[in-house]
Amino acid sequence: MARRKKGEKIDGWVNLHKPVGITSTQALAIVKRVLNAQKAGHAGTLDPLASGILPLALGEATKTVPYVQDCLKVYNFEVTWGEQRTTDDAEGTSLYTSDKRPAREAIEGLLPAFIGDVEQVPPQFSAIKVDGERAYDLARDGEEFELKTRTVYIERFEIVEYSPEKTSFRCLCGKGTYVRSLARDLGQKLGCYGYISKLERASVGPFSLKNAISLDIFQNPEHKPSPEQVLLPLQTALDDIPVLALKEQEATRLKNGNVLTLLSKPDLERMSSAGIDWESRNNVTALTTFGKKAIALVEVTGPELHPIRIFNV
């Protein structure tokens, strides 16, 4: 007999505003405990010294985490000039210093080189694995190692506020981008060094600061929030893919893991109206629903819908 899982079956997203001074794993554990959720995960680590958006997936929403991880992210951050640190942020110890300070024009002249596909070496203090070990563990132990250059995508990189000592930036970037590496590389190219002194993640795909929930709400012993007060629907993470409403028999077929074939003219028109290009030579991913419930993520090949993620909600 299978052992019953601890906690309640709760499905959806929490758009959490993580404060400075706590790890992403610690923040996740607090929310999971307060909501008594069976299963939970987050869609991208935020450093302890960083604040901002930490999307938390509960229950069946964990199946959509990869889609959020692939979304563009907005970061607001401050670079302090004149010093490079071991961690590339304020937590580390000093490596190099410089009396030179960059002019605004010099910074603006370099920013185009950091837009588009950019080669970047992650910070030594990062969660990347080297021969099975986390880079930050090796760095703390004083081990010498090199991290491979990675290609990351940066769509926008601009100055928000300038001063010779500290400059604030906003960056719109893709998966795997290290803002700490941006500060380090920019400082090196300017010949003055630099490190991140403030970092805030302002958005991750559909999750933004506008409707974020403070961690304080989950730490108030006098008022425990209910799931209904803090949860966003599972499909929040899938706001950029087509949604196809199903009939009950169609939903049942997909839920059972079967391919659904829609051949009639009204059905094909229904797919087209949902924004699904079923005639495309490339496979299309779509979300299927019945009523307000998400049924499955499907891969559309012509008139056939192949379930790739089934939601048990």
C-alpha atoms as a PDB file:
ATOM      1  CA  MET A   1       0.000   0.000   0.000  1.00  0.00           C
ATOM      2  CA  ALA A   2       1.434   3.377  -1.050  1.00  0.00           C
ATOM      3  CA  ARG A   3       2.303   5.731   1.761  1.00  0.00           C
ATOM      4  CA  ARG A   4       0.150   8.874   1.823  1.00  0.00           C
ATOM      5  CA  LYS A   5       2.040  12.061   1.053  1.00  0.00           C
ATOM      6  CA  LYS A   6       2.351  14.616   3.819  1.00  0.00           C
ATOM      7  CA  GLY A   7       0.524  17.896   3.363  1.00  0.00           C
ATOM      8  CA  GLU A   8      -2.324  19.129   1.212  1.00  0.00           C
ATOM      9  CA  LYS A   9      -2.661  18.818  -2.553  1.00  0.00           C
ATOM     10  CA  ILE A  10      -2.233  22.440  -3.581  1.00  0.00           C
ATOM     11  CA  ASP A  11      -1.671  23.418  -7.218  1.00  0.00           C
ATOM     12  CA  GLY A  12      -0.622  26.852  -8.441  1.00  0.00           C
ATOM     13  CA  TRP A  13       1.991  29.588  -8.265  1.00  0.00           C
ATOM     14  CA  VAL A  14       3.051  32.034  -5.561  1.00  0.00           C
ATOM     15  CA  ASN A  15       4.599  35.220  -6.944  1.00  0.00           C
ATOM     16  CA  LEU A  16       6.926  35.778  -3.996  1.00  0.00           C
ATOM     17  CA  HIS A  17       8.977  38.889  -3.269  1.00  0.00           C
ATOM     18  CA  LYS A  18      12.115  37.478  -1.638  1.00  0.00           C
ATOM     19  CA  PRO A  19      13.867  39.848   0.782  1.00  0.00           C
ATOM     20  CA  VAL A  20      17.623  40.287   1.153  1.00  0.00           C
ATOM     21  CA  GLY A  21      19.337  37.967   3.630  1.00  0.00           C
ATOM     22  CA  ILE A  22      17.556  34.681   2.966  1.00  0.00           C
ATOM     23  CA  THR A  23      18.276  31.934   0.441  1.00  0.00           C
ATOM     24  CA  SER A  24      15.760  30.899  -2.204  1.00  0.00           C
ATOM     25  CA  THR A  25      15.554  27.435  -0.637  1.00  0.00           C
ATOM     26  CA  GLN A  26      14.773  28.916   2.784  1.00  0.00           C
ATOM     27  CA  ALA A  27      12.044  31.144   1.329  1.00  0.00           C
ATOM     28  CA  LEU A  28      10.523  28.162  -0.488  1.00  0.00           C
ATOM     29  CA  ALA A  29      10.544  26.072   2.701  1.00  0.00           C
ATOM     30  CA  ILE A  30       8.684  28.791   4.637  1.00  0.00           C
ATOM     31  CA  VAL A  31       5.908  29.072   2.043  1.00  0.00           C
ATOM     32  CA  LYS A  32       5.613  25.303   1.644  1.00  0.00           C
ATOM     33  CA  ARG A  33       5.321  24.840   5.413  1.00  0.00           C
ATOM     34  CA  VAL A  34       2.766  27.617   5.953  1.00  0.00           C
ATOM     35  CA  LEU A  35       0.537  26.401   3.108  1.00  0.00           C
ATOM     36  CA  ASN A  36       1.138  22.757   4.113  1.00  0.00           C
ATOM     37  CA  ALA A  37       1.801  21.887   0.465  1.00  0.00           C
ATOM     38  CA  GLN A  38       2.789  18.366  -0.576  1.00  0.00           C
ATOM     39  CA  LYS A  39       5.167  19.479  -3.308  1.00  0.00           C
ATOM     40  CA  ALA A  40       6.950  22.740  -4.131  1.00  0.00           C
ATOM     41  CA  GLY A  41       9.821  24.139  -6.175  1.00  0.00           C
ATOM     42  CA  HIS A  42      11.118  27.475  -7.431  1.00  0.00           C
ATOM     43  CA  ALA A  43      11.824  28.718 -10.945  1.00  0.00           C
ATOM     44  CA  GLY A  44      15.321  30.144 -10.555  1.00  0.00           C
ATOM     45  CA  THR A  45      17.637  30.869  -7.640  1.00  0.00           C
ATOM     46  CA  LEU A  46      18.097  34.371  -6.264  1.00  0.00           C
ATOM     47  CA  ASP A  47      21.302  35.016  -4.294  1.00  0.00           C
ATOM     48  CA  PRO A  48      20.878  35.730  -0.550  1.00  0.00           C
ATOM     49  CA  LEU A  49      22.017  39.339  -1.119  1.00  0.00           C
ATOM     50  CA  ALA A  50      19.443  39.791  -3.906  1.00  0.00           C
ATOM     51  CA  SER A  51      15.776  40.679  -3.497  1.00  0.00           C
ATOM     52  CA  GLY A  52      12.833  40.471  -5.836  1.00  0.00           C
ATOM     53  CA  ILE A  53      10.737  37.995  -7.750  1.00  0.00           C
ATOM     54  CA  LEU A  54      11.039  34.319  -6.835  1.00  0.00           C
ATOM     55  CA  PRO A  55       8.243  32.366  -8.558  1.00  0.00           C
ATOM     56  CA  LEU A  56       7.251  29.361  -6.434  1.00  0.00           C
ATOM     57  CA  ALA A  57       5.476  26.380  -8.000  1.00  0.00           C
ATOM     58  CA  LEU A  58       3.207  24.200  -5.864  1.00  0.00           C
ATOM     59  CA  GLY A  59       1.875  20.768  -6.768  1.00  0.00           C
ATOM     60  CA  GLU A  60       1.123  20.268 -10.458  1.00  0.00           C
ATOM     61  CA  ALA A  61       2.527  23.730 -11.245  1.00  0.00           C
ATOM     62  CA  THR A  62       6.007  22.226 -10.790  1.00  0.00           C
ATOM     63  CA  LYS A  63       5.495  20.608 -14.211  1.00  0.00           C
ATOM     64  CA  THR A  64       5.553  24.090 -15.769  1.00  0.00           C
ATOM     65  CA  VAL A  65       8.768  25.301 -14.065  1.00  0.00           C
ATOM     66  CA  PRO A  66      10.936  24.803 -17.211  1.00  0.00           C
ATOM     67  CA  TYR A  67       8.702  27.222 -19.132  1.00  0.00           C
ATOM     68  CA  VAL A  68       9.229  29.941 -16.512  1.00  0.00           C
ATOM     69  CA  GLN A  69      12.971  29.300 -16.378  1.00  0.00           C
ATOM     70  CA  ASP A  70      13.130  29.966 -20.124  1.00  0.00           C
ATOM     71  CA  CYS A  71      11.376  33.353 -19.778  1.00  0.00           C
ATOM     72  CA  LEU A  72      13.150  36.696 -20.032  1.00  0.00           C
ATOM     73  CA  LYS A  73      13.985  38.349 -16.712  1.00  0.00           C
ATOM     74  CA  VAL A  74      14.380  41.999 -15.671  1.00  0.00           C
ATOM     75  CA  TYR A  75      17.040  42.948 -13.115  1.00  0.00           C
ATOM     76  CA  ASN A  76      17.616  46.306 -11.436  1.00  0.00           C
ATOM     77  CA  PHE A  77      21.088  46.538  -9.952  1.00  0.00           C
ATOM     78  CA  GLU A  78      23.779  48.870  -8.657  1.00  0.00           C
ATOM     79  CA  VAL A  79      27.479  48.574  -9.468  1.00  0.00           C
ATOM     80  CA  THR A  80      30.080  50.044  -7.125  1.00  0.00           C
ATOM     81  CA  TRP A  81      33.215  51.042  -9.038  1.00  0.00           C
ATOM     82  CA  GLY A  82      36.852  50.809  -8.040  1.00  0.00           C
ATOM     83  CA  GLU A  83      36.982  47.289  -6.634  1.00  0.00           C
ATOM     84  CA  GLN A  84      36.680  43.674  -7.746  1.00  0.00           C
ATOM     85  CA  ARG A  85      35.615  41.090  -5.158  1.00  0.00           C
ATOM     86  CA  THR A  86      35.861  37.314  -4.934  1.00  0.00           C
ATOM     87  CA  THR A  87      32.099  36.815  -5.229  1.00  0.00           C
ATOM     88  CA  ASP A  88      31.518  39.745  -7.651  1.00  0.00           C
ATOM     89  CA  ASP A  89      29.105  41.179  -5.069  1.00  0.00           C
ATOM     90  CA  ALA A  90      29.269  42.907  -1.677  1.00  0.00           C
ATOM     91  CA  GLU A  91      29.623  39.630   0.219  1.00  0.00           C
ATOM     92  CA  GLY A  92      33.120  38.829  -1.041  1.00  0.00           C
ATOM     93  CA  THR A  93      36.594  39.973  -0.073  1.00  0.00           C
ATOM     94  CA  SER A  94      38.605  42.451  -2.113  1.00  0.00           C
ATOM     95  CA  LEU A  95      40.756  41.155  -4.988  1.00  0.00           C
ATOM     96  CA  TYR A  96      41.772  44.326  -6.836  1.00  0.00           C
ATOM     97  CA  THR A  97      41.216  48.054  -6.379  1.00  0.00           C
ATOM     98  CA  SER A  98      41.510  51.108  -8.599  1.00  0.00           C
ATOM     99  CA  ASP A  99      41.373  54.871  -8.090  1.00  0.00           C
ATOM    100  CA  LYS A 100      39.904  55.282 -11.559  1.00  0.00           C
ATOM    101  CA  ARG A 101      36.180  56.042 -11.931  1.00  0.00           C
ATOM    102  CA  PRO A 102      34.261  55.731 -15.220  1.00  0.00           C
ATOM    103  CA  ALA A 103      32.581  58.616 -17.036  1.00  0.00           C
ATOM    104  CA  ARG A 104      28.956  58.080 -18.026  1.00  0.00           C
ATOM    105  CA  GLU A 105      29.922  58.373 -21.691  1.00  0.00           C
ATOM    106  CA  ALA A 106      32.499  55.599 -21.299  1.00  0.00           C
ATOM    107  CA  ILE A 107      29.916  53.255 -19.755  1.00  0.00           C
ATOM    108  CA  GLU A 108      27.309  54.030 -22.413  1.00  0.00           C
ATOM    109  CA  GLY A 109      29.891  53.419 -25.120  1.00  0.00           C
ATOM    110  CA  LEU A 110      30.472  49.875 -23.856  1.00  0.00           C
ATOM    111  CA  LEU A 111      26.866  48.796 -23.278  1.00  0.00           C
ATOM    112  CA  PRO A 112      26.182  47.774 -26.931  1.00  0.00           C
ATOM    113  CA  ALA A 113      28.934  45.134 -26.589  1.00  0.00           C
ATOM    114  CA  PHE A 114      26.809  43.482 -23.888  1.00  0.00           C
ATOM    115  CA  ILE A 115      23.614  43.229 -25.955  1.00  0.00           C
ATOM    116  CA  GLY A 116      22.595  40.182 -27.995  1.00  0.00           C
ATOM    117  CA  ASP A 117      24.367  36.844 -27.678  1.00  0.00           C
ATOM    118  CA  VAL A 118      27.195  37.469 -25.219  1.00  0.00           C
ATOM    119  CA  GLU A 119      30.050  35.230 -24.064  1.00  0.00           C
ATOM    120  CA  GLN A 120      30.144  35.154 -20.262  1.00  0.00           C
ATOM    121  CA  VAL A 121      32.126  33.309 -17.579  1.00  0.00           C
ATOM    122  CA  PRO A 122      29.997  32.625 -14.463  1.00  0.00           C
ATOM    123  CA  PRO A 123      31.243  33.840 -11.064  1.00  0.00           C
ATOM    124  CA  GLN A 124      33.524  31.487  -9.133  1.00  0.00           C
ATOM    125  CA  PHE A 125      30.959  31.612  -6.334  1.00  0.00           C
ATOM    126  CA  SER A 126      28.052  30.082  -8.271  1.00  0.00           C
ATOM    127  CA  ALA A 127      25.969  26.900  -8.172  1.00  0.00           C
ATOM    128  CA  ILE A 128      27.482  25.518 -11.382  1.00  0.00           C
ATOM    129  CA  LYS A 129      28.933  22.037 -10.957  1.00  0.00           C
ATOM    130  CA  VAL A 130      32.608  21.272 -11.612  1.00  0.00           C
ATOM    131  CA  ASP A 131      33.365  17.526 -11.629  1.00  0.00           C
ATOM    132  CA  GLY A 132      30.290  16.939  -9.479  1.00  0.00           C
ATOM    133  CA  GLU A 133      31.081  19.699  -6.970  1.00  0.00           C
ATOM    134  CA  ARG A 134      29.377  23.089  -6.654  1.00  0.00           C
ATOM    135  CA  ALA A 135      31.677  25.912  -7.746  1.00  0.00           C
ATOM    136  CA  TYR A 136      30.971  27.908  -4.574  1.00  0.00           C
ATOM    137  CA  ASP A 137      32.083  24.968  -2.403  1.00  0.00           C
ATOM    138  CA  LEU A 138      35.356  24.686  -4.319  1.00  0.00           C
ATOM    139  CA  ALA A 139      35.876  28.464  -4.105  1.00  0.00           C
ATOM    140  CA  ARG A 140      35.271  28.493  -0.339  1.00  0.00           C
ATOM    141  CA  ASP A 141      37.807  25.664   0.063  1.00  0.00           C
ATOM    142  CA  GLY A 142      40.404  27.663  -1.850  1.00  0.00           C
ATOM    143  CA  GLU A 143      40.511  25.217  -4.771  1.00  0.00           C
ATOM    144  CA  GLU A 144      41.757  26.496  -8.129  1.00  0.00           C
ATOM    145  CA  PHE A 145      39.434  25.808 -11.062  1.00  0.00           C
ATOM    146  CA  GLU A 146      38.139  27.375 -14.257  1.00  0.00           C
ATOM    147  CA  LEU A 147      34.544  27.749 -15.375  1.00  0.00           C
ATOM    148  CA  LYS A 148      33.730  27.436 -19.059  1.00  0.00           C
ATOM    149  CA  THR A 149      32.522  30.414 -21.047  1.00  0.00           C
ATOM    150  CA  ARG A 150      28.798  30.309 -21.777  1.00  0.00           C
ATOM    151  CA  THR A 151      26.686  32.129 -24.337  1.00  0.00           C
ATOM    152  CA  VAL A 152      23.846  34.119 -22.773  1.00  0.00           C
ATOM    153  CA  TYR A 153      21.254  36.443 -24.296  1.00  0.00           C
ATOM    154  CA  ILE A 154      20.789  40.067 -23.236  1.00  0.00           C
ATOM    155  CA  GLU A 155      17.994  42.032 -24.900  1.00  0.00           C
ATOM    156  CA  ARG A 156      18.365  45.365 -23.115  1.00  0.00           C
ATOM    157  CA  PHE A 157      21.034  46.912 -20.870  1.00  0.00           C
ATOM    158  CA  GLU A 158      20.728  50.552 -19.815  1.00  0.00           C
ATOM    159  CA  ILE A 159      21.797  53.082 -17.205  1.00  0.00           C
ATOM    160  CA  VAL A 160      19.065  54.141 -14.764  1.00  0.00           C
ATOM    161  CA  GLU A 161      21.100  56.500 -12.572  1.00  0.00           C
ATOM    162  CA  TYR A 162      24.756  57.515 -12.805  1.00  0.00           C
ATOM    163  CA  SER A 163      27.345  58.703 -10.325  1.00  0.00           C
ATOM    164  CA  PRO A 164      31.138  58.223 -10.522  1.00  0.00           C
ATOM    165  CA  GLU A 165      31.137  55.947  -7.461  1.00  0.00           C
ATOM    166  CA  LYS A 166      27.984  53.904  -8.078  1.00  0.00           C
ATOM    167  CA  THR A 167      25.832  53.422 -11.166  1.00  0.00           C
ATOM    168  CA  SER A 168      22.365  51.834 -11.343  1.00  0.00           C
ATOM    169  CA  PHE A 169      21.339  49.706 -14.321  1.00  0.00           C
ATOM    170  CA  ARG A 170      18.349  47.821 -15.696  1.00  0.00           C
ATOM    171  CA  CYS A 171      18.853  44.654 -17.706  1.00  0.00           C
ATOM    172  CA  LEU A 172      16.466  42.409 -19.651  1.00  0.00           C
ATOM    173  CA  CYS A 173      18.112  39.048 -20.174  1.00  0.00           C
ATOM    174  CA  GLY A 174      17.585  35.364 -20.843  1.00  0.00           C
ATOM    175  CA  LYS A 175      18.179  32.124 -18.994  1.00  0.00           C
ATOM    176  CA  GLY A 176      21.572  31.570 -17.383  1.00  0.00           C
ATOM    177  CA  THR A 177      22.716  35.200 -17.338  1.00  0.00           C
ATOM    178  CA  TYR A 178      24.775  36.167 -14.284  1.00  0.00           C
ATOM    179  CA  VAL A 179      24.350  39.852 -13.451  1.00  0.00           C
ATOM    180  CA  ARG A 180      27.395  39.623 -11.173  1.00  0.00           C
ATOM    181  CA  SER A 181      29.451  38.635 -14.223  1.00  0.00           C
ATOM    182  CA  LEU A 182      28.064  41.646 -16.104  1.00  0.00           C
ATOM    183  CA  ALA A 183      29.300  43.973 -13.357  1.00  0.00           C
ATOM    184  CA  ARG A 184      32.695  42.273 -13.223  1.00  0.00           C
ATOM    185  CA  ASP A 185      33.206  42.299 -17.009  1.00  0.00           C
ATOM    186  CA  LEU A 186      32.005  45.879 -17.397  1.00  0.00           C
ATOM    187  CA  GLY A 187      34.374  47.039 -14.651  1.00  0.00           C
ATOM    188  CA  GLN A 188      37.296  45.221 -16.240  1.00  0.00           C
ATOM    189  CA  LYS A 189      36.625  46.696 -19.689  1.00  0.00           C
ATOM    190  CA  LEU A 190      36.374  50.173 -18.148  1.00  0.00           C
ATOM    191  CA  GLY A 191      39.700  49.595 -16.389  1.00  0.00           C
ATOM    192  CA  CYS A 192      38.308  50.451 -12.957  1.00  0.00           C
ATOM    193  CA  TYR A 193      36.785  47.185 -11.642  1.00  0.00           C
ATOM    194  CA  GLY A 194      33.267  46.847 -10.236  1.00  0.00           C
ATOM    195  CA  TYR A 195      30.969  44.632  -8.192  1.00  0.00           C
ATOM    196  CA  ILE A 196      27.242  44.314  -7.514  1.00  0.00           C
ATOM    197  CA  SER A 197      26.253  46.277  -4.405  1.00  0.00           C
ATOM    198  CA  LYS A 198      22.458  45.970  -4.877  1.00  0.00           C
ATOM    199  CA  LEU A 199      20.443  43.496  -6.943  1.00  0.00           C
ATOM    200  CA  GLU A 200      16.696  43.176  -7.473  1.00  0.00           C
ATOM    201  CA  ARG A 201      14.900  40.857  -9.861  1.00  0.00           C
ATOM    202  CA  ALA A 202      11.944  42.900 -11.079  1.00  0.00           C
ATOM    203  CA  SER A 203      10.251  40.256 -13.219  1.00  0.00           C
ATOM    204  CA  VAL A 204      10.417  36.694 -14.503  1.00  0.00           C
ATOM    205  CA  GLY A 205       8.176  36.241 -17.527  1.00  0.00           C
ATOM    206  CA  PRO A 206       4.577  36.851 -16.337  1.00  0.00           C
ATOM    207  CA  PHE A 207       5.630  37.330 -12.688  1.00  0.00           C
ATOM    208  CA  SER A 208       6.464  40.906 -11.660  1.00  0.00           C
ATOM    209  CA  LEU A 209       6.805  43.194  -8.650  1.00  0.00           C
ATOM    210  CA  LYS A 210       3.392  44.733  -9.383  1.00  0.00           C
ATOM    211  CA  ASN A 211       1.445  41.861  -7.793  1.00  0.00           C
ATOM    212  CA  ALA A 212       4.194  40.157  -5.770  1.00  0.00           C
ATOM    213  CA  ILE A 213       3.498  38.841  -2.263  1.00  0.00           C
ATOM    214  CA  SER A 214       5.832  39.727   0.596  1.00  0.00           C
ATOM    215  CA  LEU A 215       7.419  36.906   2.578  1.00  0.00           C
ATOM    216  CA  ASP A 216       6.227  38.770   5.705  1.00  0.00           C
ATOM    217  CA  ILE A 217       2.701  37.522   4.998  1.00  0.00           C
ATOM    218  CA  PHE A 218       3.906  33.960   5.526  1.00  0.00           C
ATOM    219  CA  GLN A 219       5.851  34.845   8.683  1.00  0.00           C
ATOM    220  CA  ASN A 220       2.991  36.504  10.570  1.00  0.00           C
ATOM    221  CA  PRO A 221       2.057  34.080  13.394  1.00  0.00           C
ATOM    222  CA  GLU A 222      -1.277  35.836  13.967  1.00  0.00           C
ATOM    223  CA  HIS A 223      -2.562  35.494  10.413  1.00  0.00           C
ATOM    224  CA  LYS A 224      -1.854  32.421   8.326  1.00  0.00           C
ATOM    225  CA  PRO A 225      -2.788  33.013   4.660  1.00  0.00           C
ATOM    226  CA  SER A 226      -4.988  30.495   2.898  1.00  0.00           C
ATOM    227  CA  PRO A 227      -3.991  29.101  -0.519  1.00  0.00           C
ATOM    228  CA  GLU A 228      -6.881  31.008  -2.107  1.00  0.00           C
ATOM    229  CA  GLN A 229      -5.396  34.316  -0.892  1.00  0.00           C
ATOM    230  CA  VAL A 230      -1.930  33.821  -2.354  1.00  0.00           C
ATOM    231  CA  LEU A 231      -2.147  31.342  -5.236  1.00  0.00           C
ATOM    232  CA  LEU A 232      -2.139  32.135  -8.939  1.00  0.00           C
ATOM    233  CA  PRO A 233      -3.501  29.537 -11.404  1.00  0.00           C
ATOM    234  CA  LEU A 234      -1.167  26.870 -12.746  1.00  0.00           C
ATOM    235  CA  GLN A 235      -1.561  28.273 -16.269  1.00  0.00           C
ATOM    236  CA  THR A 236      -0.129  31.666 -15.213  1.00  0.00           C
ATOM    237  CA  ALA A 237       3.276  30.305 -16.214  1.00  0.00           C
ATOM    238  CA  LEU A 238       2.030  29.517 -19.726  1.00  0.00           C
ATOM    239  CA  ASP A 239       0.652  32.899 -20.731  1.00  0.00           C
ATOM    240  CA  ASP A 240       2.625  33.031 -23.991  1.00  0.00           C
ATOM    241  CA  ILE A 241       1.396  29.784 -25.572  1.00  0.00           C
ATOM    242  CA  PRO A 242      -1.962  29.079 -27.285  1.00  0.00           C
ATOM    243  CA  VAL A 243      -4.841  27.788 -25.141  1.00  0.00           C
ATOM    244  CA  LEU A 244      -7.378  25.343 -26.577  1.00  0.00           C
ATOM    245  CA  ALA A 245     -10.669  24.747 -24.755  1.00  0.00           C
ATOM    246  CA  LEU A 246     -11.746  21.101 -24.878  1.00  0.00           C
ATOM    247  CA  LYS A 247     -15.016  19.221 -24.686  1.00  0.00           C
ATOM    248  CA  GLU A 248     -15.401  16.782 -21.798  1.00  0.00           C
ATOM    249  CA  GLN A 249     -14.732  13.640 -23.879  1.00  0.00           C
ATOM    250  CA  GLU A 250     -11.652  15.239 -25.433  1.00  0.00           C
ATOM    251  CA  ALA A 251     -10.309  16.213 -22.020  1.00  0.00           C
ATOM    252  CA  THR A 252     -10.831  12.669 -20.718  1.00  0.00           C
ATOM    253  CA  ARG A 253      -8.942  11.212 -23.670  1.00  0.00           C
ATOM    254  CA  LEU A 254      -5.926  13.452 -23.101  1.00  0.00           C
ATOM    255  CA  LYS A 255      -6.004  12.870 -19.319  1.00  0.00           C
ATOM    256  CA  ASN A 256      -5.690   9.155 -20.053  1.00  0.00           C
ATOM    257  CA  GLY A 257      -2.550   9.806 -22.078  1.00  0.00           C
ATOM    258  CA  ASN A 258      -4.100   9.215 -25.491  1.00  0.00           C
ATOM    259  CA  VAL A 259      -3.472  11.175 -28.678  1.00  0.00           C
ATOM    260  CA  LEU A 260      -6.426  13.389 -29.591  1.00  0.00           C
ATOM    261  CA  THR A 261      -7.166  13.784 -33.298  1.00  0.00           C
ATOM    262  CA  LEU A 262      -9.316  16.712 -34.430  1.00  0.00           C
ATOM    263  CA  LEU A 263     -10.308  16.200 -38.068  1.00  0.00           C
ATOM    264  CA  SER A 264     -13.663  17.926 -38.510  1.00  0.00           C
ATOM    265  CA  LYS A 265     -13.806  21.392 -40.038  1.00  0.00           C
ATOM    266  CA  PRO A 266     -15.283  22.975 -36.844  1.00  0.00           C
ATOM    267  CA  ASP A 267     -12.499  21.392 -34.764  1.00  0.00           C
ATOM    268  CA  LEU A 268      -9.758  22.638 -37.082  1.00  0.00           C
ATOM    269  CA  GLU A 269     -11.352  26.093 -37.046  1.00  0.00           C
ATOM    270  CA  ARG A 270     -11.407  25.899 -33.235  1.00  0.00           C
ATOM    271  CA  MET A 271      -7.656  25.264 -33.238  1.00  0.00           C
ATOM    272  CA  SER A 272      -7.024  28.125 -35.648  1.00  0.00           C
ATOM    273  CA  SER A 273      -9.172  30.475 -33.543  1.00  0.00           C
ATOM    274  CA  ALA A 274      -7.041  29.541 -30.516  1.00  0.00           C
ATOM    275  CA  GLY A 275      -3.930  30.673 -32.373  1.00  0.00           C
ATOM    276  CA  ILE A 276      -2.693  27.147 -33.114  1.00  0.00           C
ATOM    277  CA  ASP A 277      -1.073  26.852 -36.530  1.00  0.00           C
ATOM    278  CA  TRP A 278      -1.887  23.176 -37.023  1.00  0.00           C
ATOM    279  CA  GLU A 279      -0.736  23.337 -40.657  1.00  0.00           C
ATOM    280  CA  SER A 280       2.787  24.350 -39.635  1.00  0.00           C
ATOM    281  CA  ARG A 281       5.634  21.963 -40.424  1.00  0.00           C
ATOM    282  CA  ASN A 282       7.046  22.738 -36.997  1.00  0.00           C
ATOM    283  CA  ASN A 283       5.411  21.176 -33.966  1.00  0.00           C
ATOM    284  CA  VAL A 284       3.461  23.657 -31.831  1.00  0.00           C
ATOM    285  CA  THR A 285       3.082  23.490 -28.043  1.00  0.00           C
ATOM    286  CA  ALA A 286      -0.345  24.394 -26.645  1.00  0.00           C
ATOM    287  CA  LEU A 287      -2.209  24.276 -23.342  1.00  0.00           C
ATOM    288  CA  THR A 288      -5.539  22.462 -23.271  1.00  0.00           C
ATOM    289  CA  THR A 289      -8.237  23.277 -20.727  1.00  0.00           C
ATOM    290  CA  PHE A 290     -11.684  22.106 -19.682  1.00  0.00           C
ATOM    291  CA  GLY A 291     -13.628  24.804 -17.906  1.00  0.00           C
ATOM    292  CA  LYS A 292     -11.166  26.591 -15.626  1.00  0.00           C
ATOM    293  CA  LYS A 293      -8.908  23.555 -15.232  1.00  0.00           C
ATOM    294  CA  ALA A 294      -5.659  22.940 -17.090  1.00  0.00           C
ATOM    295  CA  ILE A 295      -5.775  19.480 -18.676  1.00  0.00           C
ATOM    296  CA  ALA A 296      -2.463  18.951 -20.466  1.00  0.00           C
ATOM    297  CA  LEU A 297       0.337  20.523 -22.406  1.00  0.00           C
ATOM    298  CA  VAL A 298       0.232  19.072 -25.899  1.00  0.00           C
ATOM    299  CA  GLU A 299       2.426  18.986 -28.949  1.00  0.00           C
ATOM    300  CA  VAL A 300       0.345  19.713 -32.031  1.00  0.00           C
ATOM    301  CA  THR A 301       1.336  17.808 -35.159  1.00  0.00           C
ATOM    302  CA  GLY A 302      -1.179  18.577 -37.884  1.00  0.00           C
ATOM    303  CA  PRO A 303      -4.605  17.621 -36.499  1.00  0.00           C
ATOM    304  CA  GLU A 304      -3.081  15.464 -33.744  1.00  0.00           C
ATOM    305  CA  LEU A 305      -2.621  16.579 -30.131  1.00  0.00           C
ATOM    306  CA  HIS A 306       0.036  14.554 -28.312  1.00  0.00           C
ATOM    307  CA  PRO A 307       0.038  14.983 -24.497  1.00  0.00           C
ATOM    308  CA  ILE A 308       3.497  15.863 -23.151  1.00  0.00           C
ATOM    309  CA  ARG A 309       2.518  17.019 -19.623  1.00  0.00           C
ATOM    310  CA  ILE A 310      -0.745  15.900 -18.016  1.00  0.00           C
ATOM    311  CA  PHE A 311      -2.028  17.904 -15.049  1.00  0.00           C
ATOM    312  CA  ASN A 312      -3.759  16.014 -12.246  1.00  0.00           C
ATOM    313  CA  VAL A 313      -5.892  18.873 -10.946  1.00  0.00           C
END
